[in-house]
Amino acid sequence: MSIYELALEKVEKQIYCINEDYKKIYNYEIVDHIMKRIKSPQSIIDKMKKKNYELNYKELIENINDIAGIRVICKLRKDVYDIRDLIEELEEFKIINEKDYIKHPKKSGYTSYHLIVEVPVEFDNTTIFVKVEIQIRTLAMDFWATIEHHTKYKAKNKISKRNARKLVTYAKIINKLDEKMLDLLDSK
């Protein structure tokens, strides 16, 4: 797991550098805050079983892309795409997959921008390319996703269909709020 920790530290450092450079140029902090995590071994095993992967390192390295994860929270929707573009410019990182759940929300209402990047990590005098999932979202998107995750996945009782529909409605409201905040700042 130490290679994932090293990769996560490298991504976090680069995101902070992006924020500092952006602040110097535009006098604006594009990143509000960052959260990071490494999946627990049990969570990895559960995911591999759910996806019917064999429980070995080869399957884990090839198929589990979110062992190391970093969430970049920004203020505005345009910031999400600016951060994404700045990550793409990093020569060290190779984007291997991306999903735009902002333009194409999940059925649940979830919105975010996901990147899977490969990051070079020095380990035992060898360069290893390690996958890290980067989720970029606004404060409003993060608020909704946090409540949705707690309601659907951490609750003792299963969420009712009625409440699931409410969550989708609230996601649409959050999406509109993000648009309105951008309009407000653009009209200055």
N, C-alpha and C. Protein backbone atom coordinates (compact mmCIF):
# COMPACT_ATOMS: atom_id res chain seq x y z
N MET A 1 0.83 -1.20 0.00
CA MET A 1 0.00 0.00 0.00
C MET A 1 0.87 1.26 0.00
N SER A 2 2.13 1.12 0.32
CA SER A 2 2.99 2.30 0.40
C SER A 2 3.17 2.98 -0.96
N ILE A 3 3.12 2.20 -2.05
CA ILE A 3 3.24 2.85 -3.36
C ILE A 3 2.03 3.74 -3.65
N TYR A 4 0.87 3.35 -3.13
CA TYR A 4 -0.33 4.17 -3.30
C TYR A 4 -0.23 5.45 -2.45
N GLU A 5 0.35 5.33 -1.26
CA GLU A 5 0.57 6.51 -0.41
C GLU A 5 1.50 7.49 -1.11
N LEU A 6 2.58 6.97 -1.69
CA LEU A 6 3.54 7.83 -2.40
C LEU A 6 2.88 8.52 -3.60
N ALA A 7 2.08 7.77 -4.34
CA ALA A 7 1.39 8.34 -5.50
C ALA A 7 0.41 9.42 -5.06
N LEU A 8 -0.30 9.16 -4.00
CA LEU A 8 -1.28 10.13 -3.48
C LEU A 8 -0.59 11.41 -3.03
N GLU A 9 0.54 11.28 -2.35
CA GLU A 9 1.30 12.46 -1.92
C GLU A 9 1.75 13.28 -3.13
N LYS A 10 2.17 12.60 -4.18
CA LYS A 10 2.64 13.28 -5.38
C LYS A 10 1.49 14.05 -6.04
N VAL A 11 0.32 13.43 -6.15
CA VAL A 11 -0.83 14.10 -6.75
C VAL A 11 -1.25 15.28 -5.89
N GLU A 12 -1.32 15.09 -4.58
CA GLU A 12 -1.71 16.17 -3.68
C GLU A 12 -0.76 17.37 -3.83
N LYS A 13 0.52 17.09 -3.87
CA LYS A 13 1.52 18.16 -4.02
C LYS A 13 1.31 18.92 -5.33
N GLN A 14 1.05 18.20 -6.41
CA GLN A 14 0.83 18.85 -7.70
C GLN A 14 -0.43 19.70 -7.71
N ILE A 15 -1.48 19.23 -7.05
CA ILE A 15 -2.73 20.00 -6.97
C ILE A 15 -2.49 21.29 -6.19
N TYR A 16 -1.74 21.20 -5.09
CA TYR A 16 -1.41 22.41 -4.32
C TYR A 16 -0.56 23.37 -5.17
N CYS A 17 0.35 22.84 -5.97
CA CYS A 17 1.16 23.69 -6.86
C CYS A 17 0.29 24.38 -7.90
N ILE A 18 -0.67 23.63 -8.46
CA ILE A 18 -1.62 24.22 -9.42
C ILE A 18 -2.36 25.37 -8.76
N ASN A 19 -2.82 25.16 -7.54
CA ASN A 19 -3.57 26.20 -6.83
C ASN A 19 -2.70 27.43 -6.58
N GLU A 20 -1.46 27.21 -6.14
CA GLU A 20 -0.56 28.34 -5.86
C GLU A 20 -0.24 29.12 -7.14
N ASP A 21 0.06 28.42 -8.22
CA ASP A 21 0.35 29.09 -9.49
C ASP A 21 -0.86 29.88 -9.97
N TYR A 22 -2.02 29.27 -9.87
CA TYR A 22 -3.27 29.93 -10.31
C TYR A 22 -3.51 31.19 -9.48
N LYS A 23 -3.25 31.10 -8.19
CA LYS A 23 -3.44 32.23 -7.28
C LYS A 23 -2.50 33.38 -7.66
N LYS A 24 -1.25 33.06 -7.99
CA LYS A 24 -0.28 34.08 -8.38
C LYS A 24 -0.69 34.78 -9.68
N ILE A 25 -1.20 34.02 -10.63
CA ILE A 25 -1.55 34.57 -11.94
C ILE A 25 -2.89 35.30 -11.91
N TYR A 26 -3.90 34.68 -11.30
CA TYR A 26 -5.27 35.21 -11.37
C TYR A 26 -5.80 35.82 -10.07
N ASN A 27 -4.98 35.78 -9.02
CA ASN A 27 -5.41 36.27 -7.70
C ASN A 27 -6.71 35.57 -7.26
N TYR A 28 -6.76 34.28 -7.48
CA TYR A 28 -7.96 33.48 -7.18
C TYR A 28 -7.52 32.07 -6.82
N GLU A 29 -8.02 31.56 -5.71
CA GLU A 29 -7.71 30.17 -5.34
C GLU A 29 -8.71 29.25 -6.01
N ILE A 30 -8.23 28.50 -6.97
CA ILE A 30 -9.10 27.61 -7.76
C ILE A 30 -9.51 26.37 -6.95
N VAL A 31 -8.70 26.00 -5.96
CA VAL A 31 -8.98 24.84 -5.11
C VAL A 31 -9.42 25.35 -3.75
N ASP A 32 -10.60 24.90 -3.32
CA ASP A 32 -11.07 25.26 -1.98
C ASP A 32 -10.41 24.36 -0.94
N HIS A 33 -10.49 23.04 -1.16
CA HIS A 33 -9.81 22.10 -0.28
C HIS A 33 -9.67 20.75 -0.97
N ILE A 34 -8.86 19.92 -0.36
CA ILE A 34 -8.54 18.59 -0.90
C ILE A 34 -8.78 17.56 0.20
N MET A 35 -9.32 16.41 -0.20
CA MET A 35 -9.44 15.27 0.71
C MET A 35 -8.82 14.07 0.00
N LYS A 36 -8.18 13.23 0.75
CA LYS A 36 -7.57 12.05 0.13
C LYS A 36 -7.81 10.83 1.00
N ARG A 37 -7.71 9.66 0.36
CA ARG A 37 -7.89 8.42 1.09
C ARG A 37 -7.27 7.25 0.33
N ILE A 38 -6.95 6.23 1.09
CA ILE A 38 -6.52 4.94 0.55
C ILE A 38 -7.60 3.94 0.97
N LYS A 39 -8.10 3.16 0.00
CA LYS A 39 -9.11 2.14 0.33
C LYS A 39 -8.53 1.14 1.32
N SER A 40 -9.36 0.71 2.21
CA SER A 40 -8.93 -0.32 3.17
C SER A 40 -8.79 -1.65 2.44
N PRO A 41 -7.94 -2.52 2.93
CA PRO A 41 -7.81 -3.85 2.30
C PRO A 41 -9.16 -4.57 2.18
N GLN A 42 -9.99 -4.48 3.21
CA GLN A 42 -11.30 -5.15 3.15
C GLN A 42 -12.18 -4.56 2.05
N SER A 43 -12.15 -3.25 1.90
CA SER A 43 -12.93 -2.58 0.86
C SER A 43 -12.45 -3.00 -0.53
N ILE A 44 -11.15 -3.16 -0.69
CA ILE A 44 -10.59 -3.62 -1.97
C ILE A 44 -11.05 -5.04 -2.26
N ILE A 45 -10.96 -5.91 -1.28
CA ILE A 45 -11.39 -7.30 -1.45
C ILE A 45 -12.87 -7.36 -1.79
N ASP A 46 -13.69 -6.59 -1.06
CA ASP A 46 -15.14 -6.56 -1.33
C ASP A 46 -15.41 -6.13 -2.77
N LYS A 47 -14.70 -5.11 -3.24
CA LYS A 47 -14.91 -4.62 -4.60
C LYS A 47 -14.49 -5.68 -5.62
N MET A 48 -13.37 -6.33 -5.37
CA MET A 48 -12.90 -7.37 -6.29
C MET A 48 -13.89 -8.53 -6.37
N LYS A 49 -14.45 -8.92 -5.23
CA LYS A 49 -15.44 -9.99 -5.21
C LYS A 49 -16.71 -9.57 -5.96
N LYS A 50 -17.14 -8.34 -5.71
CA LYS A 50 -18.34 -7.82 -6.37
C LYS A 50 -18.19 -7.81 -7.90
N LYS A 51 -16.96 -7.50 -8.35
CA LYS A 51 -16.70 -7.44 -9.80
C LYS A 51 -16.25 -8.80 -10.36
N ASN A 52 -16.25 -9.82 -9.52
CA ASN A 52 -15.84 -11.18 -9.91
C ASN A 52 -14.40 -11.26 -10.42
N TYR A 53 -13.50 -10.49 -9.79
CA TYR A 53 -12.08 -10.58 -10.11
C TYR A 53 -11.44 -11.63 -9.20
N GLU A 54 -10.40 -12.28 -9.72
CA GLU A 54 -9.64 -13.19 -8.87
C GLU A 54 -8.91 -12.36 -7.83
N LEU A 55 -8.76 -12.90 -6.65
CA LEU A 55 -8.11 -12.17 -5.56
C LEU A 55 -6.59 -12.34 -5.63
N ASN A 56 -5.98 -11.61 -6.58
CA ASN A 56 -4.52 -11.62 -6.70
C ASN A 56 -4.04 -10.22 -7.09
N TYR A 57 -2.73 -9.99 -6.95
CA TYR A 57 -2.17 -8.66 -7.20
C TYR A 57 -2.32 -8.23 -8.65
N LYS A 58 -2.20 -9.16 -9.57
CA LYS A 58 -2.32 -8.81 -10.99
C LYS A 58 -3.70 -8.22 -11.27
N GLU A 59 -4.75 -8.88 -10.80
CA GLU A 59 -6.12 -8.38 -10.99
C GLU A 59 -6.30 -7.04 -10.28
N LEU A 60 -5.76 -6.94 -9.09
CA LEU A 60 -5.88 -5.70 -8.32
C LEU A 60 -5.25 -4.53 -9.08
N ILE A 61 -4.03 -4.69 -9.52
CA ILE A 61 -3.30 -3.61 -10.20
C ILE A 61 -3.94 -3.26 -11.53
N GLU A 62 -4.39 -4.25 -12.27
CA GLU A 62 -4.98 -4.00 -13.59
C GLU A 62 -6.39 -3.44 -13.53
N ASN A 63 -7.18 -3.85 -12.55
CA ASN A 63 -8.62 -3.56 -12.59
C ASN A 63 -9.17 -2.64 -11.51
N ILE A 64 -8.46 -2.45 -10.44
CA ILE A 64 -8.96 -1.58 -9.37
C ILE A 64 -8.23 -0.24 -9.48
N ASN A 65 -8.96 0.76 -9.94
CA ASN A 65 -8.35 2.05 -10.25
C ASN A 65 -8.48 3.08 -9.14
N ASP A 66 -9.21 2.77 -8.09
CA ASP A 66 -9.50 3.79 -7.08
C ASP A 66 -8.98 3.42 -5.69
N ILE A 67 -7.88 2.67 -5.65
CA ILE A 67 -7.30 2.35 -4.34
C ILE A 67 -6.82 3.64 -3.68
N ALA A 68 -6.13 4.46 -4.46
CA ALA A 68 -5.72 5.78 -3.99
C ALA A 68 -6.68 6.79 -4.62
N GLY A 69 -7.27 7.63 -3.79
CA GLY A 69 -8.22 8.60 -4.30
C GLY A 69 -8.02 9.97 -3.68
N ILE A 70 -8.19 10.98 -4.51
CA ILE A 70 -8.09 12.35 -4.03
C ILE A 70 -9.29 13.12 -4.56
N ARG A 71 -9.90 13.89 -3.70
CA ARG A 71 -11.06 14.69 -4.08
C ARG A 71 -10.65 16.15 -4.02
N VAL A 72 -10.80 16.83 -5.15
CA VAL A 72 -10.46 18.24 -5.24
C VAL A 72 -11.77 19.02 -5.27
N ILE A 73 -11.96 19.87 -4.27
CA ILE A 73 -13.20 20.63 -4.14
C ILE A 73 -12.90 22.08 -4.52
N CYS A 74 -13.70 22.60 -5.44
CA CYS A 74 -13.53 23.97 -5.89
C CYS A 74 -14.85 24.73 -5.72
N LYS A 75 -14.81 26.02 -5.99
CA LYS A 75 -16.00 26.83 -5.74
C LYS A 75 -17.01 26.76 -6.88
N LEU A 76 -16.55 26.85 -8.11
CA LEU A 76 -17.44 27.01 -9.26
C LEU A 76 -17.26 25.88 -10.27
N ARG A 77 -18.29 25.65 -11.05
CA ARG A 77 -18.24 24.59 -12.06
C ARG A 77 -17.13 24.82 -13.08
N LYS A 78 -16.91 26.09 -13.48
CA LYS A 78 -15.84 26.36 -14.45
C LYS A 78 -14.48 25.97 -13.89
N ASP A 79 -14.33 26.07 -12.55
CA ASP A 79 -13.08 25.68 -11.91
C ASP A 79 -12.79 24.20 -12.10
N VAL A 80 -13.84 23.39 -12.09
CA VAL A 80 -13.68 21.94 -12.29
C VAL A 80 -12.95 21.69 -13.61
N TYR A 81 -13.42 22.33 -14.66
CA TYR A 81 -12.83 22.10 -15.99
C TYR A 81 -11.45 22.75 -16.12
N ASP A 82 -11.25 23.87 -15.44
CA ASP A 82 -9.92 24.50 -15.45
C ASP A 82 -8.91 23.60 -14.76
N ILE A 83 -9.29 23.03 -13.62
CA ILE A 83 -8.40 22.11 -12.90
C ILE A 83 -8.11 20.89 -13.76
N ARG A 84 -9.14 20.36 -14.39
CA ARG A 84 -8.96 19.19 -15.26
C ARG A 84 -7.95 19.49 -16.36
N ASP A 85 -8.08 20.66 -16.98
CA ASP A 85 -7.16 21.05 -18.06
C ASP A 85 -5.73 21.23 -17.55
N LEU A 86 -5.59 21.78 -16.35
CA LEU A 86 -4.27 21.98 -15.77
C LEU A 86 -3.62 20.64 -15.40
N ILE A 87 -4.41 19.69 -14.95
CA ILE A 87 -3.89 18.35 -14.67
C ILE A 87 -3.40 17.70 -15.96
N GLU A 88 -4.15 17.89 -17.03
CA GLU A 88 -3.76 17.32 -18.33
C GLU A 88 -2.41 17.86 -18.79
N GLU A 89 -2.09 19.09 -18.43
CA GLU A 89 -0.82 19.69 -18.83
C GLU A 89 0.39 19.16 -18.06
N LEU A 90 0.15 18.48 -16.95
CA LEU A 90 1.25 17.94 -16.15
C LEU A 90 1.93 16.80 -16.91
N GLU A 91 3.18 16.98 -17.24
CA GLU A 91 3.90 15.98 -18.04
C GLU A 91 4.07 14.66 -17.30
N GLU A 92 4.16 14.72 -15.99
CA GLU A 92 4.38 13.51 -15.19
C GLU A 92 3.17 12.60 -15.14
N PHE A 93 1.98 13.17 -15.23
CA PHE A 93 0.75 12.40 -15.08
C PHE A 93 0.22 12.01 -16.45
N LYS A 94 -0.24 10.78 -16.51
CA LYS A 94 -0.87 10.30 -17.74
C LYS A 94 -2.33 9.99 -17.43
N ILE A 95 -3.23 10.71 -18.10
CA ILE A 95 -4.66 10.43 -17.91
C ILE A 95 -4.99 9.17 -18.69
N ILE A 96 -5.51 8.16 -17.99
CA ILE A 96 -5.85 6.91 -18.67
C ILE A 96 -7.36 6.72 -18.80
N ASN A 97 -8.12 7.50 -18.05
CA ASN A 97 -9.58 7.41 -18.16
C ASN A 97 -10.19 8.66 -17.54
N GLU A 98 -11.31 9.09 -18.10
CA GLU A 98 -12.03 10.21 -17.50
C GLU A 98 -13.51 10.06 -17.77
N LYS A 99 -14.28 10.52 -16.78
CA LYS A 99 -15.74 10.47 -16.88
C LYS A 99 -16.30 11.80 -16.41
N ASP A 100 -17.11 12.41 -17.26
CA ASP A 100 -17.72 13.70 -16.94
C ASP A 100 -19.15 13.47 -16.46
N TYR A 101 -19.28 13.33 -15.15
CA TYR A 101 -20.60 13.14 -14.55
C TYR A 101 -21.30 14.49 -14.31
N ILE A 102 -20.67 15.58 -14.74
CA ILE A 102 -21.32 16.88 -14.64
C ILE A 102 -22.21 17.07 -15.87
N LYS A 103 -21.63 16.84 -17.04
CA LYS A 103 -22.42 16.94 -18.28
C LYS A 103 -23.33 15.73 -18.44
N HIS A 104 -22.95 14.61 -17.84
CA HIS A 104 -23.72 13.37 -17.93
C HIS A 104 -23.88 12.78 -16.53
N PRO A 105 -24.78 13.37 -15.71
CA PRO A 105 -24.94 12.88 -14.32
C PRO A 105 -25.37 11.42 -14.28
N LYS A 106 -25.00 10.77 -13.17
CA LYS A 106 -25.46 9.40 -12.95
C LYS A 106 -26.97 9.43 -12.71
N LYS A 107 -27.59 8.29 -12.87
CA LYS A 107 -29.04 8.17 -12.67
C LYS A 107 -29.46 8.65 -11.27
N SER A 108 -28.58 8.47 -10.30
CA SER A 108 -28.86 8.88 -8.92
C SER A 108 -28.87 10.39 -8.74
N GLY A 109 -28.32 11.12 -9.74
CA GLY A 109 -28.19 12.57 -9.63
C GLY A 109 -26.76 13.01 -9.35
N TYR A 110 -25.89 12.04 -9.08
CA TYR A 110 -24.48 12.33 -8.75
C TYR A 110 -23.79 13.09 -9.87
N THR A 111 -23.07 14.15 -9.49
CA THR A 111 -22.27 14.91 -10.44
C THR A 111 -20.85 15.10 -9.90
N SER A 112 -19.87 14.98 -10.76
CA SER A 112 -18.47 15.15 -10.42
C SER A 112 -17.68 14.89 -11.70
N TYR A 113 -16.42 15.24 -11.72
CA TYR A 113 -15.55 14.91 -12.86
C TYR A 113 -14.49 13.96 -12.34
N HIS A 114 -14.38 12.78 -12.96
CA HIS A 114 -13.45 11.76 -12.50
C HIS A 114 -12.32 11.56 -13.51
N LEU A 115 -11.12 11.49 -12.99
CA LEU A 115 -9.94 11.16 -13.79
C LEU A 115 -9.24 9.98 -13.13
N ILE A 116 -8.75 9.08 -13.95
CA ILE A 116 -7.81 8.08 -13.46
C ILE A 116 -6.48 8.46 -14.11
N VAL A 117 -5.48 8.71 -13.26
CA VAL A 117 -4.17 9.09 -13.78
C VAL A 117 -3.14 8.06 -13.33
N GLU A 118 -2.13 7.89 -14.14
CA GLU A 118 -0.98 7.09 -13.74
C GLU A 118 0.12 8.05 -13.33
N VAL A 119 0.70 7.77 -12.18
CA VAL A 119 1.70 8.64 -11.59
C VAL A 119 2.99 7.84 -11.39
N PRO A 120 4.13 8.37 -11.85
CA PRO A 120 5.39 7.64 -11.62
C PRO A 120 5.84 7.79 -10.16
N VAL A 121 6.16 6.65 -9.56
CA VAL A 121 6.60 6.62 -8.16
C VAL A 121 7.91 5.84 -8.11
N GLU A 122 8.88 6.39 -7.38
CA GLU A 122 10.14 5.68 -7.19
C GLU A 122 10.00 4.75 -5.99
N PHE A 123 10.25 3.47 -6.24
CA PHE A 123 10.12 2.47 -5.17
C PHE A 123 11.19 1.40 -5.39
N ASP A 124 12.05 1.20 -4.40
CA ASP A 124 13.15 0.22 -4.50
C ASP A 124 13.99 0.45 -5.75
N ASN A 125 14.36 1.69 -5.99
CA ASN A 125 15.19 2.08 -7.15
C ASN A 125 14.54 1.74 -8.48
N THR A 126 13.23 1.65 -8.50
CA THR A 126 12.49 1.36 -9.72
C THR A 126 11.34 2.36 -9.84
N THR A 127 11.05 2.77 -11.08
CA THR A 127 9.90 3.63 -11.31
C THR A 127 8.69 2.76 -11.59
N ILE A 128 7.66 2.95 -10.78
CA ILE A 128 6.41 2.21 -10.92
C ILE A 128 5.32 3.23 -11.24
N PHE A 129 4.45 2.90 -12.18
CA PHE A 129 3.33 3.78 -12.51
C PHE A 129 2.11 3.31 -11.74
N VAL A 130 1.59 4.19 -10.90
CA VAL A 130 0.52 3.87 -9.98
C VAL A 130 -0.72 4.66 -10.35
N LYS A 131 -1.88 4.00 -10.33
CA LYS A 131 -3.14 4.67 -10.65
C LYS A 131 -3.69 5.40 -9.43
N VAL A 132 -4.17 6.61 -9.70
CA VAL A 132 -4.84 7.41 -8.67
C VAL A 132 -6.12 7.96 -9.28
N GLU A 133 -7.21 7.86 -8.53
CA GLU A 133 -8.46 8.46 -8.98
C GLU A 133 -8.53 9.88 -8.44
N ILE A 134 -8.82 10.83 -9.34
CA ILE A 134 -9.02 12.22 -8.94
C ILE A 134 -10.47 12.56 -9.23
N GLN A 135 -11.18 12.99 -8.20
CA GLN A 135 -12.55 13.47 -8.35
C GLN A 135 -12.52 14.98 -8.16
N ILE A 136 -13.07 15.70 -9.12
CA ILE A 136 -13.12 17.16 -9.04
C ILE A 136 -14.58 17.56 -9.00
N ARG A 137 -14.94 18.35 -8.00
CA ARG A 137 -16.33 18.78 -7.87
C ARG A 137 -16.42 20.11 -7.14
N THR A 138 -17.57 20.75 -7.27
CA THR A 138 -17.79 22.01 -6.56
C THR A 138 -18.20 21.73 -5.12
N LEU A 139 -18.20 22.79 -4.32
CA LEU A 139 -18.66 22.67 -2.94
C LEU A 139 -20.09 22.14 -2.89
N ALA A 140 -20.94 22.64 -3.77
CA ALA A 140 -22.35 22.22 -3.80
C ALA A 140 -22.45 20.74 -4.18
N MET A 141 -21.70 20.31 -5.19
CA MET A 141 -21.71 18.90 -5.60
C MET A 141 -21.22 18.01 -4.47
N ASP A 142 -20.20 18.48 -3.77
CA ASP A 142 -19.65 17.69 -2.66
C ASP A 142 -20.63 17.57 -1.51
N PHE A 143 -21.34 18.66 -1.23
CA PHE A 143 -22.37 18.64 -0.19
C PHE A 143 -23.41 17.56 -0.51
N TRP A 144 -23.92 17.57 -1.74
CA TRP A 144 -24.94 16.60 -2.14
C TRP A 144 -24.38 15.17 -2.08
N ALA A 145 -23.19 14.97 -2.62
CA ALA A 145 -22.60 13.62 -2.67
C ALA A 145 -22.35 13.07 -1.26
N THR A 146 -21.96 13.94 -0.35
CA THR A 146 -21.72 13.51 1.03
C THR A 146 -23.02 13.05 1.68
N ILE A 147 -24.08 13.83 1.51
CA ILE A 147 -25.38 13.46 2.08
C ILE A 147 -25.91 12.18 1.41
N GLU A 148 -25.79 12.11 0.09
CA GLU A 148 -26.27 10.94 -0.65
C GLU A 148 -25.53 9.68 -0.20
N HIS A 149 -24.22 9.78 -0.05
CA HIS A 149 -23.42 8.62 0.36
C HIS A 149 -23.83 8.16 1.76
N HIS A 150 -23.99 9.11 2.65
CA HIS A 150 -24.39 8.79 4.02
C HIS A 150 -25.79 8.16 4.04
N THR A 151 -26.70 8.72 3.25
CA THR A 151 -28.08 8.25 3.22
C THR A 151 -28.21 6.87 2.58
N LYS A 152 -27.49 6.66 1.48
CA LYS A 152 -27.65 5.39 0.75
C LYS A 152 -26.75 4.28 1.25
N TYR A 153 -25.52 4.61 1.61
CA TYR A 153 -24.55 3.55 1.86
C TYR A 153 -24.17 3.36 3.32
N LYS A 154 -24.35 4.38 4.13
CA LYS A 154 -23.96 4.28 5.53
C LYS A 154 -25.14 4.09 6.46
N ALA A 155 -26.34 4.28 5.96
CA ALA A 155 -27.53 4.15 6.80
C ALA A 155 -27.81 2.68 7.09
N LYS A 156 -28.44 2.43 8.24
CA LYS A 156 -28.77 1.05 8.62
C LYS A 156 -29.92 0.50 7.78
N ASN A 157 -30.85 1.37 7.41
CA ASN A 157 -32.00 0.94 6.62
C ASN A 157 -31.85 1.40 5.18
N LYS A 158 -32.36 0.59 4.27
CA LYS A 158 -32.30 0.92 2.86
C LYS A 158 -33.18 2.14 2.59
N ILE A 159 -32.73 3.02 1.71
CA ILE A 159 -33.47 4.23 1.37
C ILE A 159 -34.70 3.86 0.54
N SER A 160 -35.80 4.53 0.80
CA SER A 160 -37.03 4.26 0.05
C SER A 160 -36.93 4.83 -1.36
N LYS A 161 -37.76 4.32 -2.25
CA LYS A 161 -37.78 4.83 -3.63
C LYS A 161 -38.17 6.30 -3.65
N ARG A 162 -39.08 6.65 -2.78
CA ARG A 162 -39.53 8.06 -2.68
C ARG A 162 -38.37 8.97 -2.30
N ASN A 163 -37.60 8.56 -1.30
CA ASN A 163 -36.45 9.37 -0.89
C ASN A 163 -35.33 9.36 -1.92
N ALA A 164 -35.17 8.27 -2.65
CA ALA A 164 -34.19 8.22 -3.73
C ALA A 164 -34.57 9.24 -4.82
N ARG A 165 -35.88 9.34 -5.13
CA ARG A 165 -36.35 10.33 -6.11
C ARG A 165 -36.10 11.75 -5.58
N LYS A 166 -36.30 11.95 -4.28
CA LYS A 166 -36.04 13.25 -3.69
C LYS A 166 -34.56 13.63 -3.85
N LEU A 167 -33.68 12.66 -3.65
CA LEU A 167 -32.25 12.93 -3.81
C LEU A 167 -31.92 13.38 -5.24
N VAL A 168 -32.56 12.75 -6.22
CA VAL A 168 -32.35 13.15 -7.62
C VAL A 168 -32.85 14.58 -7.83
N THR A 169 -34.00 14.90 -7.27
CA THR A 169 -34.55 16.26 -7.36
C THR A 169 -33.60 17.26 -6.72
N TYR A 170 -33.07 16.92 -5.55
CA TYR A 170 -32.15 17.82 -4.86
C TYR A 170 -30.85 17.99 -5.65
N ALA A 171 -30.42 16.93 -6.32
CA ALA A 171 -29.22 17.04 -7.16
C ALA A 171 -29.45 18.05 -8.28
N LYS A 172 -30.65 18.02 -8.87
CA LYS A 172 -30.97 18.98 -9.93
C LYS A 172 -31.00 20.40 -9.38
N ILE A 173 -31.50 20.57 -8.17
CA ILE A 173 -31.52 21.89 -7.53
C ILE A 173 -30.09 22.37 -7.28
N ILE A 174 -29.25 21.47 -6.78
CA ILE A 174 -27.83 21.81 -6.54
C ILE A 174 -27.17 22.22 -7.86
N ASN A 175 -27.48 21.49 -8.93
CA ASN A 175 -26.91 21.79 -10.25
C ASN A 175 -27.32 23.20 -10.69
N LYS A 176 -28.58 23.53 -10.50
CA LYS A 176 -29.07 24.87 -10.84
C LYS A 176 -28.38 25.93 -9.98
N LEU A 177 -28.20 25.63 -8.70
CA LEU A 177 -27.53 26.55 -7.80
C LEU A 177 -26.10 26.82 -8.28
N ASP A 178 -25.38 25.78 -8.69
CA ASP A 178 -24.04 25.95 -9.24
C ASP A 178 -24.07 26.89 -10.45
N GLU A 179 -25.05 26.70 -11.33
CA GLU A 179 -25.19 27.57 -12.51
C GLU A 179 -25.44 29.01 -12.10
N LYS A 180 -26.34 29.22 -11.13
CA LYS A 180 -26.71 30.57 -10.68
C LYS A 180 -25.51 31.28 -10.04
N MET A 181 -24.72 30.56 -9.28
CA MET A 181 -23.54 31.16 -8.65
C MET A 181 -22.54 31.60 -9.71
N LEU A 182 -22.37 30.79 -10.74
CA LEU A 182 -21.48 31.16 -11.84
C LEU A 182 -22.01 32.38 -12.57
N ASP A 183 -23.32 32.41 -12.85
CA ASP A 183 -23.95 33.57 -13.49
C ASP A 183 -23.74 34.82 -12.64
N LEU A 184 -23.90 34.70 -11.35
CA LEU A 184 -23.73 35.83 -10.44
C LEU A 184 -22.31 36.40 -10.53
N LEU A 185 -21.33 35.53 -10.51
CA LEU A 185 -19.93 35.99 -10.56
C LEU A 185 -19.56 36.51 -11.94
N ASP A 186 -20.15 35.93 -12.98
CA ASP A 186 -19.88 36.40 -14.35
C ASP A 186 -20.48 37.77 -14.62
N SER A 187 -21.51 38.14 -13.88
CA SER A 187 -22.21 39.40 -14.14
C SER A 187 -21.59 40.58 -13.39
N LYS A 188 -20.50 40.36 -12.65
CA LYS A 188 -19.87 41.46 -11.90
C LYS A 188 -19.33 42.54 -12.80
